[in-house]
Amino acid sequence: KADAEEAKEICRDRCPVRTQCLAHALR
């Protein structure tokens, strides 16, 4: 859980392509 939460936080706060990534995953 701690690793997953850390990854989500890094992704939400620092990733410039988070929107594209989420759209790709949902697709």
mmCIF file of all heavy atoms, coordinates in Angstrom:
data_MODEL
# 
_entry.id   MODEL 
# 
loop_
_atom_site.group_PDB 
_atom_site.id 
_atom_site.type_symbol 
_atom_site.label_atom_id 
_atom_site.label_alt_id 
_atom_site.label_comp_id 
_atom_site.label_asym_id 
_atom_site.label_entity_id 
_atom_site.label_seq_id 
_atom_site.pdbx_PDB_ins_code 
_atom_site.Cartn_x 
_atom_site.Cartn_y 
_atom_site.Cartn_z 
_atom_site.occupancy 
_atom_site.B_iso_or_equiv 
_atom_site.pdbx_formal_charge 
_atom_site.auth_seq_id 
_atom_site.auth_comp_id 
_atom_site.auth_asym_id 
_atom_site.auth_atom_id 
_atom_site.pdbx_PDB_model_num 
ATOM 1   N N   . LYS A 1 1  ? 0.817   -1.220 0.000   1.00 0.00 ? 1  LYS A N   1 
ATOM 2   C CA  . LYS A 1 1  ? 0.000   0.000  0.000   1.00 0.00 ? 1  LYS A CA  1 
ATOM 3   C C   . LYS A 1 1  ? 0.853   1.274  0.000   1.00 0.00 ? 1  LYS A C   1 
ATOM 4   O O   . LYS A 1 1  ? 0.569   2.210  -0.736  1.00 0.00 ? 1  LYS A O   1 
ATOM 5   C CB  . LYS A 1 1  ? -0.963  0.011  1.179   1.00 0.00 ? 1  LYS A CB  1 
ATOM 6   C CG  . LYS A 1 1  ? -1.877  1.212  1.145   1.00 0.00 ? 1  LYS A CG  1 
ATOM 7   C CD  . LYS A 1 1  ? -2.947  1.161  2.200   1.00 0.00 ? 1  LYS A CD  1 
ATOM 8   C CE  . LYS A 1 1  ? -3.760  2.432  2.075   1.00 0.00 ? 1  LYS A CE  1 
ATOM 9   N NZ  . LYS A 1 1  ? -5.127  2.277  2.275   1.00 0.00 ? 1  LYS A NZ  1 
ATOM 10  N N   . ALA A 1 2  ? 1.906   1.318  0.831   1.00 0.00 ? 2  ALA A N   1 
ATOM 11  C CA  . ALA A 1 2  ? 2.746   2.516  0.892   1.00 0.00 ? 2  ALA A CA  1 
ATOM 12  C C   . ALA A 1 2  ? 3.393   2.804  -0.463  1.00 0.00 ? 2  ALA A C   1 
ATOM 13  O O   . ALA A 1 2  ? 3.447   3.965  -0.896  1.00 0.00 ? 2  ALA A O   1 
ATOM 14  C CB  . ALA A 1 2  ? 3.813   2.373  1.972   1.00 0.00 ? 2  ALA A CB  1 
ATOM 15  N N   . ASP A 1 3  ? 3.877   1.771  -1.153  1.00 0.00 ? 3  ASP A N   1 
ATOM 16  C CA  . ASP A 1 3  ? 4.472   1.963  -2.483  1.00 0.00 ? 3  ASP A CA  1 
ATOM 17  C C   . ASP A 1 3  ? 3.427   2.471  -3.478  1.00 0.00 ? 3  ASP A C   1 
ATOM 18  O O   . ASP A 1 3  ? 3.698   3.361  -4.283  1.00 0.00 ? 3  ASP A O   1 
ATOM 19  C CB  . ASP A 1 3  ? 5.079   0.665  -3.012  1.00 0.00 ? 3  ASP A CB  1 
ATOM 20  C CG  . ASP A 1 3  ? 6.376   0.291  -2.319  1.00 0.00 ? 3  ASP A CG  1 
ATOM 21  O OD1 . ASP A 1 3  ? 6.953   1.149  -1.617  1.00 0.00 ? 3  ASP A OD1 1 
ATOM 22  O OD2 . ASP A 1 3  ? 6.807   -0.868 -2.484  1.00 0.00 ? 3  ASP A OD2 1 
ATOM 23  N N   . ALA A 1 4  ? 2.236   1.887  -3.420  1.00 0.00 ? 4  ALA A N   1 
ATOM 24  C CA  . ALA A 1 4  ? 1.168   2.295  -4.339  1.00 0.00 ? 4  ALA A CA  1 
ATOM 25  C C   . ALA A 1 4  ? 0.783   3.749  -4.092  1.00 0.00 ? 4  ALA A C   1 
ATOM 26  O O   . ALA A 1 4  ? 0.607   4.520  -5.045  1.00 0.00 ? 4  ALA A O   1 
ATOM 27  C CB  . ALA A 1 4  ? -0.042  1.376  -4.184  1.00 0.00 ? 4  ALA A CB  1 
ATOM 28  N N   . GLU A 1 5  ? 0.657   4.133  -2.831  1.00 0.00 ? 5  GLU A N   1 
ATOM 29  C CA  . GLU A 1 5  ? 0.298   5.517  -2.506  1.00 0.00 ? 5  GLU A CA  1 
ATOM 30  C C   . GLU A 1 5  ? 1.397   6.482  -2.940  1.00 0.00 ? 5  GLU A C   1 
ATOM 31  O O   . GLU A 1 5  ? 1.115   7.577  -3.445  1.00 0.00 ? 5  GLU A O   1 
ATOM 32  C CB  . GLU A 1 5  ? -0.006  5.664  -1.017  1.00 0.00 ? 5  GLU A CB  1 
ATOM 33  C CG  . GLU A 1 5  ? -1.285  4.947  -0.585  1.00 0.00 ? 5  GLU A CG  1 
ATOM 34  C CD  . GLU A 1 5  ? -2.523  5.405  -1.341  1.00 0.00 ? 5  GLU A CD  1 
ATOM 35  O OE1 . GLU A 1 5  ? -2.698  6.623  -1.565  1.00 0.00 ? 5  GLU A OE1 1 
ATOM 36  O OE2 . GLU A 1 5  ? -3.331  4.531  -1.731  1.00 0.00 ? 5  GLU A OE2 1 
ATOM 37  N N   . GLU A 1 6  ? 2.656   6.093  -2.753  1.00 0.00 ? 6  GLU A N   1 
ATOM 38  C CA  . GLU A 1 6  ? 3.775   6.932  -3.189  1.00 0.00 ? 6  GLU A CA  1 
ATOM 39  C C   . GLU A 1 6  ? 3.750   7.112  -4.708  1.00 0.00 ? 6  GLU A C   1 
ATOM 40  O O   . GLU A 1 6  ? 3.925   8.222  -5.220  1.00 0.00 ? 6  GLU A O   1 
ATOM 41  C CB  . GLU A 1 6  ? 5.108   6.321  -2.762  1.00 0.00 ? 6  GLU A CB  1 
ATOM 42  C CG  . GLU A 1 6  ? 6.299   7.125  -3.221  1.00 0.00 ? 6  GLU A CG  1 
ATOM 43  C CD  . GLU A 1 6  ? 7.641   6.481  -2.897  1.00 0.00 ? 6  GLU A CD  1 
ATOM 44  O OE1 . GLU A 1 6  ? 7.682   5.353  -2.365  1.00 0.00 ? 6  GLU A OE1 1 
ATOM 45  O OE2 . GLU A 1 6  ? 8.664   7.116  -3.198  1.00 0.00 ? 6  GLU A OE2 1 
ATOM 46  N N   . ALA A 1 7  ? 3.515   6.034  -5.421  1.00 0.00 ? 7  ALA A N   1 
ATOM 47  C CA  . ALA A 1 7  ? 3.464   6.106  -6.889  1.00 0.00 ? 7  ALA A CA  1 
ATOM 48  C C   . ALA A 1 7  ? 2.319   7.010  -7.343  1.00 0.00 ? 7  ALA A C   1 
ATOM 49  O O   . ALA A 1 7  ? 2.498   7.835  -8.249  1.00 0.00 ? 7  ALA A O   1 
ATOM 50  C CB  . ALA A 1 7  ? 3.311   4.709  -7.478  1.00 0.00 ? 7  ALA A CB  1 
ATOM 51  N N   . LYS A 1 8  ? 1.154   6.890  -6.720  1.00 0.00 ? 8  LYS A N   1 
ATOM 52  C CA  . LYS A 1 8  ? 0.016   7.731  -7.095  1.00 0.00 ? 8  LYS A CA  1 
ATOM 53  C C   . LYS A 1 8  ? 0.317   9.202  -6.836  1.00 0.00 ? 8  LYS A C   1 
ATOM 54  O O   . LYS A 1 8  ? 0.009   10.066 -7.665  1.00 0.00 ? 8  LYS A O   1 
ATOM 55  C CB  . LYS A 1 8  ? -1.243  7.311  -6.334  1.00 0.00 ? 8  LYS A CB  1 
ATOM 56  C CG  . LYS A 1 8  ? -1.823  5.996  -6.823  1.00 0.00 ? 8  LYS A CG  1 
ATOM 57  C CD  . LYS A 1 8  ? -3.198  5.762  -6.281  1.00 0.00 ? 8  LYS A CD  1 
ATOM 58  C CE  . LYS A 1 8  ? -3.183  4.993  -5.009  1.00 0.00 ? 8  LYS A CE  1 
ATOM 59  N NZ  . LYS A 1 8  ? -4.532  4.602  -4.558  1.00 0.00 ? 8  LYS A NZ  1 
ATOM 60  N N   . GLU A 1 9  ? 0.943   9.488  -5.701  1.00 0.00 ? 9  GLU A N   1 
ATOM 61  C CA  . GLU A 1 9  ? 1.270   10.871 -5.358  1.00 0.00 ? 9  GLU A CA  1 
ATOM 62  C C   . GLU A 1 9  ? 2.281   11.455 -6.348  1.00 0.00 ? 9  GLU A C   1 
ATOM 63  O O   . GLU A 1 9  ? 2.106   12.574 -6.835  1.00 0.00 ? 9  GLU A O   1 
ATOM 64  C CB  . GLU A 1 9  ? 1.828   10.940 -3.940  1.00 0.00 ? 9  GLU A CB  1 
ATOM 65  C CG  . GLU A 1 9  ? 2.112   12.348 -3.478  1.00 0.00 ? 9  GLU A CG  1 
ATOM 66  C CD  . GLU A 1 9  ? 2.604   12.392 -2.051  1.00 0.00 ? 9  GLU A CD  1 
ATOM 67  O OE1 . GLU A 1 9  ? 2.130   11.605 -1.209  1.00 0.00 ? 9  GLU A OE1 1 
ATOM 68  O OE2 . GLU A 1 9  ? 3.487   13.221 -1.776  1.00 0.00 ? 9  GLU A OE2 1 
ATOM 69  N N   . ILE A 1 10 ? 3.332   10.706 -6.641  1.00 0.00 ? 10 ILE A N   1 
ATOM 70  C CA  . ILE A 1 10 ? 4.342   11.170 -7.610  1.00 0.00 ? 10 ILE A CA  1 
ATOM 71  C C   . ILE A 1 10 ? 3.680   11.417 -8.963  1.00 0.00 ? 10 ILE A C   1 
ATOM 72  O O   . ILE A 1 10 ? 3.898   12.440 -9.605  1.00 0.00 ? 10 ILE A O   1 
ATOM 73  C CB  . ILE A 1 10 ? 5.488   10.151 -7.743  1.00 0.00 ? 10 ILE A CB  1 
ATOM 74  C CG1 . ILE A 1 10 ? 6.312   10.120 -6.453  1.00 0.00 ? 10 ILE A CG1 1 
ATOM 75  C CG2 . ILE A 1 10 ? 6.378   10.478 -8.946  1.00 0.00 ? 10 ILE A CG2 1 
ATOM 76  C CD1 . ILE A 1 10 ? 7.295   8.958  -6.375  1.00 0.00 ? 10 ILE A CD1 1 
ATOM 77  N N   . CYS A 1 11 ? 2.859   10.495 -9.370  1.00 0.00 ? 11 CYS A N   1 
ATOM 78  C CA  . CYS A 1 11 ? 2.180   10.598 -10.652 1.00 0.00 ? 11 CYS A CA  1 
ATOM 79  C C   . CYS A 1 11 ? 1.293   11.845 -10.702 1.00 0.00 ? 11 CYS A C   1 
ATOM 80  O O   . CYS A 1 11 ? 1.374   12.636 -11.636 1.00 0.00 ? 11 CYS A O   1 
ATOM 81  C CB  . CYS A 1 11 ? 1.354   9.327  -10.865 1.00 0.00 ? 11 CYS A CB  1 
ATOM 82  S SG  . CYS A 1 11 ? 0.528   9.233  -12.436 1.00 0.00 ? 11 CYS A SG  1 
ATOM 83  N N   . ARG A 1 12 ? 0.452   12.016 -9.682  1.00 0.00 ? 12 ARG A N   1 
ATOM 84  C CA  . ARG A 1 12 ? -0.471  13.157 -9.666  1.00 0.00 ? 12 ARG A CA  1 
ATOM 85  C C   . ARG A 1 12 ? 0.262   14.493 -9.584  1.00 0.00 ? 12 ARG A C   1 
ATOM 86  O O   . ARG A 1 12 ? -0.156  15.464 -10.200 1.00 0.00 ? 12 ARG A O   1 
ATOM 87  C CB  . ARG A 1 12 ? -1.439  13.037 -8.490  1.00 0.00 ? 12 ARG A CB  1 
ATOM 88  C CG  . ARG A 1 12 ? -2.517  12.003 -8.695  1.00 0.00 ? 12 ARG A CG  1 
ATOM 89  C CD  . ARG A 1 12 ? -3.567  12.082 -7.615  1.00 0.00 ? 12 ARG A CD  1 
ATOM 90  N NE  . ARG A 1 12 ? -2.994  11.826 -6.304  1.00 0.00 ? 12 ARG A NE  1 
ATOM 91  C CZ  . ARG A 1 12 ? -3.180  10.721 -5.599  1.00 0.00 ? 12 ARG A CZ  1 
ATOM 92  N NH1 . ARG A 1 12 ? -3.945  9.756  -6.080  1.00 0.00 ? 12 ARG A NH1 1 
ATOM 93  N NH2 . ARG A 1 12 ? -2.631  10.569 -4.423  1.00 0.00 ? 12 ARG A NH2 1 
ATOM 94  N N   . ASP A 1 13 ? 1.351   14.542 -8.810  1.00 0.00 ? 13 ASP A N   1 
ATOM 95  C CA  . ASP A 1 13 ? 2.030   15.812 -8.557  1.00 0.00 ? 13 ASP A CA  1 
ATOM 96  C C   . ASP A 1 13 ? 3.124   16.172 -9.559  1.00 0.00 ? 13 ASP A C   1 
ATOM 97  O O   . ASP A 1 13 ? 3.416   17.347 -9.746  1.00 0.00 ? 13 ASP A O   1 
ATOM 98  C CB  . ASP A 1 13 ? 2.663   15.809 -7.162  1.00 0.00 ? 13 ASP A CB  1 
ATOM 99  C CG  . ASP A 1 13 ? 1.624   15.749 -6.058  1.00 0.00 ? 13 ASP A CG  1 
ATOM 100 O OD1 . ASP A 1 13 ? 0.424   15.978 -6.325  1.00 0.00 ? 13 ASP A OD1 1 
ATOM 101 O OD2 . ASP A 1 13 ? 2.010   15.465 -4.903  1.00 0.00 ? 13 ASP A OD2 1 
ATOM 102 N N   . ARG A 1 14 ? 3.753   15.169 -10.194 1.00 0.00 ? 14 ARG A N   1 
ATOM 103 C CA  . ARG A 1 14 ? 4.939   15.473 -11.004 1.00 0.00 ? 14 ARG A CA  1 
ATOM 104 C C   . ARG A 1 14 ? 4.909   15.000 -12.445 1.00 0.00 ? 14 ARG A C   1 
ATOM 105 O O   . ARG A 1 14 ? 5.793   15.362 -13.217 1.00 0.00 ? 14 ARG A O   1 
ATOM 106 C CB  . ARG A 1 14 ? 6.171   14.861 -10.335 1.00 0.00 ? 14 ARG A CB  1 
ATOM 107 C CG  . ARG A 1 14 ? 6.529   15.562 -9.058  1.00 0.00 ? 14 ARG A CG  1 
ATOM 108 C CD  . ARG A 1 14 ? 7.898   15.153 -8.613  1.00 0.00 ? 14 ARG A CD  1 
ATOM 109 N NE  . ARG A 1 14 ? 7.787   14.212 -7.506  1.00 0.00 ? 14 ARG A NE  1 
ATOM 110 C CZ  . ARG A 1 14 ? 8.724   13.369 -7.148  1.00 0.00 ? 14 ARG A CZ  1 
ATOM 111 N NH1 . ARG A 1 14 ? 9.847   13.299 -7.810  1.00 0.00 ? 14 ARG A NH1 1 
ATOM 112 N NH2 . ARG A 1 14 ? 8.552   12.574 -6.131  1.00 0.00 ? 14 ARG A NH2 1 
ATOM 113 N N   . CYS A 1 15 ? 3.954   14.181 -12.818 1.00 0.00 ? 15 CYS A N   1 
ATOM 114 C CA  . CYS A 1 15 ? 4.015   13.628 -14.173 1.00 0.00 ? 15 CYS A CA  1 
ATOM 115 C C   . CYS A 1 15 ? 3.339   14.552 -15.192 1.00 0.00 ? 15 CYS A C   1 
ATOM 116 O O   . CYS A 1 15 ? 2.152   14.860 -15.067 1.00 0.00 ? 15 CYS A O   1 
ATOM 117 C CB  . CYS A 1 15 ? 3.374   12.245 -14.225 1.00 0.00 ? 15 CYS A CB  1 
ATOM 118 S SG  . CYS A 1 15 ? 3.697   11.450 -15.819 1.00 0.00 ? 15 CYS A SG  1 
ATOM 119 N N   . PRO A 1 16 ? 4.079   14.968 -16.216 1.00 0.00 ? 16 PRO A N   1 
ATOM 120 C CA  . PRO A 1 16 ? 3.519   15.880 -17.219 1.00 0.00 ? 16 PRO A CA  1 
ATOM 121 C C   . PRO A 1 16 ? 2.546   15.208 -18.195 1.00 0.00 ? 16 PRO A C   1 
ATOM 122 O O   . PRO A 1 16 ? 1.875   15.893 -18.953 1.00 0.00 ? 16 PRO A O   1 
ATOM 123 C CB  . PRO A 1 16 ? 4.758   16.392 -17.957 1.00 0.00 ? 16 PRO A CB  1 
ATOM 124 C CG  . PRO A 1 16 ? 5.744   15.272 -17.852 1.00 0.00 ? 16 PRO A CG  1 
ATOM 125 C CD  . PRO A 1 16 ? 5.495   14.666 -16.492 1.00 0.00 ? 16 PRO A CD  1 
ATOM 126 N N   . VAL A 1 17 ? 2.476   13.892 -18.171 1.00 0.00 ? 17 VAL A N   1 
ATOM 127 C CA  . VAL A 1 17 ? 1.601   13.185 -19.123 1.00 0.00 ? 17 VAL A CA  1 
ATOM 128 C C   . VAL A 1 17 ? 0.540   12.347 -18.400 1.00 0.00 ? 17 VAL A C   1 
ATOM 129 O O   . VAL A 1 17 ? 0.007   11.396 -18.957 1.00 0.00 ? 17 VAL A O   1 
ATOM 130 C CB  . VAL A 1 17 ? 2.422   12.306 -20.095 1.00 0.00 ? 17 VAL A CB  1 
ATOM 131 C CG1 . VAL A 1 17 ? 3.302   13.163 -20.986 1.00 0.00 ? 17 VAL A CG1 1 
ATOM 132 C CG2 . VAL A 1 17 ? 3.249   11.275 -19.347 1.00 0.00 ? 17 VAL A CG2 1 
ATOM 133 N N   . ARG A 1 18 ? 0.199   12.734 -17.180 1.00 0.00 ? 18 ARG A N   1 
ATOM 134 C CA  . ARG A 1 18 ? -0.773  11.982 -16.380 1.00 0.00 ? 18 ARG A CA  1 
ATOM 135 C C   . ARG A 1 18 ? -2.112  11.832 -17.107 1.00 0.00 ? 18 ARG A C   1 
ATOM 136 O O   . ARG A 1 18 ? -2.722  10.767 -17.115 1.00 0.00 ? 18 ARG A O   1 
ATOM 137 C CB  . ARG A 1 18 ? -0.986  12.662 -15.031 1.00 0.00 ? 18 ARG A CB  1 
ATOM 138 C CG  . ARG A 1 18 ? -1.889  11.888 -14.104 1.00 0.00 ? 18 ARG A CG  1 
ATOM 139 C CD  . ARG A 1 18 ? -2.052  12.597 -12.788 1.00 0.00 ? 18 ARG A CD  1 
ATOM 140 N NE  . ARG A 1 18 ? -2.830  13.809 -12.895 1.00 0.00 ? 18 ARG A NE  1 
ATOM 141 C CZ  . ARG A 1 18 ? -4.156  13.842 -12.874 1.00 0.00 ? 18 ARG A CZ  1 
ATOM 142 N NH1 . ARG A 1 18 ? -4.841  12.733 -12.749 1.00 0.00 ? 18 ARG A NH1 1 
ATOM 143 N NH2 . ARG A 1 18 ? -4.794  14.981 -12.979 1.00 0.00 ? 18 ARG A NH2 1 
ATOM 144 N N   . THR A 1 19 ? -2.570  12.890 -17.752 1.00 0.00 ? 19 THR A N   1 
ATOM 145 C CA  . THR A 1 19 ? -3.853  12.843 -18.451 1.00 0.00 ? 19 THR A CA  1 
ATOM 146 C C   . THR A 1 19 ? -3.826  11.830 -19.596 1.00 0.00 ? 19 THR A C   1 
ATOM 147 O O   . THR A 1 19 ? -4.755  11.038 -19.748 1.00 0.00 ? 19 THR A O   1 
ATOM 148 C CB  . THR A 1 19 ? -4.215  14.246 -18.983 1.00 0.00 ? 19 THR A CB  1 
ATOM 149 O OG1 . THR A 1 19 ? -4.229  15.148 -17.876 1.00 0.00 ? 19 THR A OG1 1 
ATOM 150 C CG2 . THR A 1 19 ? -5.566  14.260 -19.651 1.00 0.00 ? 19 THR A CG2 1 
ATOM 151 N N   . GLN A 1 20 ? -2.759  11.849 -20.394 1.00 0.00 ? 20 GLN A N   1 
ATOM 152 C CA  . GLN A 1 20 ? -2.643  10.890 -21.495 1.00 0.00 ? 20 GLN A CA  1 
ATOM 153 C C   . GLN A 1 20 ? -2.562  9.467  -20.958 1.00 0.00 ? 20 GLN A C   1 
ATOM 154 O O   . GLN A 1 20 ? -3.135  8.540  -21.519 1.00 0.00 ? 20 GLN A O   1 
ATOM 155 C CB  . GLN A 1 20 ? -1.408  11.179 -22.351 1.00 0.00 ? 20 GLN A CB  1 
ATOM 156 C CG  . GLN A 1 20 ? -1.475  12.469 -23.120 1.00 0.00 ? 20 GLN A CG  1 
ATOM 157 C CD  . GLN A 1 20 ? -0.744  13.598 -22.401 1.00 0.00 ? 20 GLN A CD  1 
ATOM 158 O OE1 . GLN A 1 20 ? -0.817  13.745 -21.188 1.00 0.00 ? 20 GLN A OE1 1 
ATOM 159 N NE2 . GLN A 1 20 ? -0.039  14.415 -23.163 1.00 0.00 ? 20 GLN A NE2 1 
ATOM 160 N N   . CYS A 1 21 ? -1.829  9.278  -19.870 1.00 0.00 ? 21 CYS A N   1 
ATOM 161 C CA  . CYS A 1 21 ? -1.661  7.963  -19.270 1.00 0.00 ? 21 CYS A CA  1 
ATOM 162 C C   . CYS A 1 21 ? -3.004  7.409  -18.794 1.00 0.00 ? 21 CYS A C   1 
ATOM 163 O O   . CYS A 1 21 ? -3.336  6.254  -19.049 1.00 0.00 ? 21 CYS A O   1 
ATOM 164 C CB  . CYS A 1 21 ? -0.668  8.058  -18.112 1.00 0.00 ? 21 CYS A CB  1 
ATOM 165 S SG  . CYS A 1 21 ? -0.362  6.504  -17.267 1.00 0.00 ? 21 CYS A SG  1 
ATOM 166 N N   . LEU A 1 22 ? -3.771  8.243  -18.087 1.00 0.00 ? 22 LEU A N   1 
ATOM 167 C CA  . LEU A 1 22 ? -5.069  7.789  -17.594 1.00 0.00 ? 22 LEU A CA  1 
ATOM 168 C C   . LEU A 1 22 ? -6.004  7.459  -18.754 1.00 0.00 ? 22 LEU A C   1 
ATOM 169 O O   . LEU A 1 22 ? -6.678  6.425  -18.748 1.00 0.00 ? 22 LEU A O   1 
ATOM 170 C CB  . LEU A 1 22 ? -5.693  8.850  -16.682 1.00 0.00 ? 22 LEU A CB  1 
ATOM 171 C CG  . LEU A 1 22 ? -7.066  8.498  -16.122 1.00 0.00 ? 22 LEU A CG  1 
ATOM 172 C CD1 . LEU A 1 22 ? -7.019  7.207  -15.312 1.00 0.00 ? 22 LEU A CD1 1 
ATOM 173 C CD2 . LEU A 1 22 ? -7.585  9.654  -15.266 1.00 0.00 ? 22 LEU A CD2 1 
ATOM 174 N N   . ALA A 1 23 ? -6.029  8.310  -19.767 1.00 0.00 ? 23 ALA A N   1 
ATOM 175 C CA  . ALA A 1 23 ? -6.882  8.052  -20.931 1.00 0.00 ? 23 ALA A CA  1 
ATOM 176 C C   . ALA A 1 23 ? -6.489  6.742  -21.601 1.00 0.00 ? 23 ALA A C   1 
ATOM 177 O O   . ALA A 1 23 ? -7.351  5.940  -21.996 1.00 0.00 ? 23 ALA A O   1 
ATOM 178 C CB  . ALA A 1 23 ? -6.791  9.213  -21.921 1.00 0.00 ? 23 ALA A CB  1 
ATOM 179 N N   . HIS A 1 24 ? -5.186  6.501  -21.730 1.00 0.00 ? 24 HIS A N   1 
ATOM 180 C CA  . HIS A 1 24 ? -4.703  5.262  -22.339 1.00 0.00 ? 24 HIS A CA  1 
ATOM 181 C C   . HIS A 1 24 ? -5.123  4.054  -21.502 1.00 0.00 ? 24 HIS A C   1 
ATOM 182 O O   . HIS A 1 24 ? -5.631  3.064  -22.034 1.00 0.00 ? 24 HIS A O   1 
ATOM 183 C CB  . HIS A 1 24 ? -3.184  5.317  -22.478 1.00 0.00 ? 24 HIS A CB  1 
ATOM 184 C CG  . HIS A 1 24 ? -2.573  4.032  -22.926 1.00 0.00 ? 24 HIS A CG  1 
ATOM 185 N ND1 . HIS A 1 24 ? -2.703  3.562  -24.213 1.00 0.00 ? 24 HIS A ND1 1 
ATOM 186 C CD2 . HIS A 1 24 ? -1.853  3.110  -22.244 1.00 0.00 ? 24 HIS A CD2 1 
ATOM 187 C CE1 . HIS A 1 24 ? -2.076  2.404  -24.318 1.00 0.00 ? 24 HIS A CE1 1 
ATOM 188 N NE2 . HIS A 1 24 ? -1.550  2.109  -23.136 1.00 0.00 ? 24 HIS A NE2 1 
ATOM 189 N N   . ALA A 1 25 ? -4.923  4.136  -20.184 1.00 0.00 ? 25 ALA A N   1 
ATOM 190 C CA  . ALA A 1 25 ? -5.294  3.015  -19.310 1.00 0.00 ? 25 ALA A CA  1 
ATOM 191 C C   . ALA A 1 25 ? -6.783  2.730  -19.396 1.00 0.00 ? 25 ALA A C   1 
ATOM 192 O O   . ALA A 1 25 ? -7.194  1.567  -19.515 1.00 0.00 ? 25 ALA A O   1 
ATOM 193 C CB  . ALA A 1 25 ? -4.887  3.315  -17.867 1.00 0.00 ? 25 ALA A CB  1 
ATOM 194 N N   . LEU A 1 26 ? -7.612  3.763  -19.361 1.00 0.00 ? 26 LEU A N   1 
ATOM 195 C CA  . LEU A 1 26 ? -9.063  3.554  -19.446 1.00 0.00 ? 26 LEU A CA  1 
ATOM 196 C C   . LEU A 1 26 ? -9.457  2.949  -20.786 1.00 0.00 ? 26 LEU A C   1 
ATOM 197 O O   . LEU A 1 26 ? -10.361 2.114  -20.853 1.00 0.00 ? 26 LEU A O   1 
ATOM 198 C CB  . LEU A 1 26 ? -9.811  4.865  -19.200 1.00 0.00 ? 26 LEU A CB  1 
ATOM 199 C CG  . LEU A 1 26 ? -9.720  5.416  -17.782 1.00 0.00 ? 26 LEU A CG  1 
ATOM 200 C CD1 . LEU A 1 26 ? -10.372 6.789  -17.706 1.00 0.00 ? 26 LEU A CD1 1 
ATOM 201 C CD2 . LEU A 1 26 ? -10.333 4.450  -16.777 1.00 0.00 ? 26 LEU A CD2 1 
ATOM 202 N N   . ARG A 1 27 ? -8.759  3.339  -21.850 1.00 0.00 ? 27 ARG A N   1 
ATOM 203 C CA  . ARG A 1 27 ? -9.065  2.805  -23.185 1.00 0.00 ? 27 ARG A CA  1 
ATOM 204 C C   . ARG A 1 27 ? -8.709  1.318  -23.282 1.00 0.00 ? 27 ARG A C   1 
ATOM 205 O O   . ARG A 1 27 ? -9.503  0.520  -23.753 1.00 0.00 ? 27 ARG A O   1 
ATOM 206 C CB  . ARG A 1 27 ? -8.314  3.617  -24.241 1.00 0.00 ? 27 ARG A CB  1 
ATOM 207 C CG  . ARG A 1 27 ? -8.657  3.269  -25.664 1.00 0.00 ? 27 ARG A CG  1 
ATOM 208 C CD  . ARG A 1 27 ? -8.034  4.223  -26.691 1.00 0.00 ? 27 ARG A CD  1 
ATOM 209 N NE  . ARG A 1 27 ? -6.610  4.468  -26.519 1.00 0.00 ? 27 ARG A NE  1 
ATOM 210 C CZ  . ARG A 1 27 ? -6.083  5.601  -26.025 1.00 0.00 ? 27 ARG A CZ  1 
ATOM 211 N NH1 . ARG A 1 27 ? -6.863  6.596  -25.652 1.00 0.00 ? 27 ARG A NH1 1 
ATOM 212 N NH2 . ARG A 1 27 ? -4.776  5.746  -25.906 1.00 0.00 ? 27 ARG A NH2 1 
# 
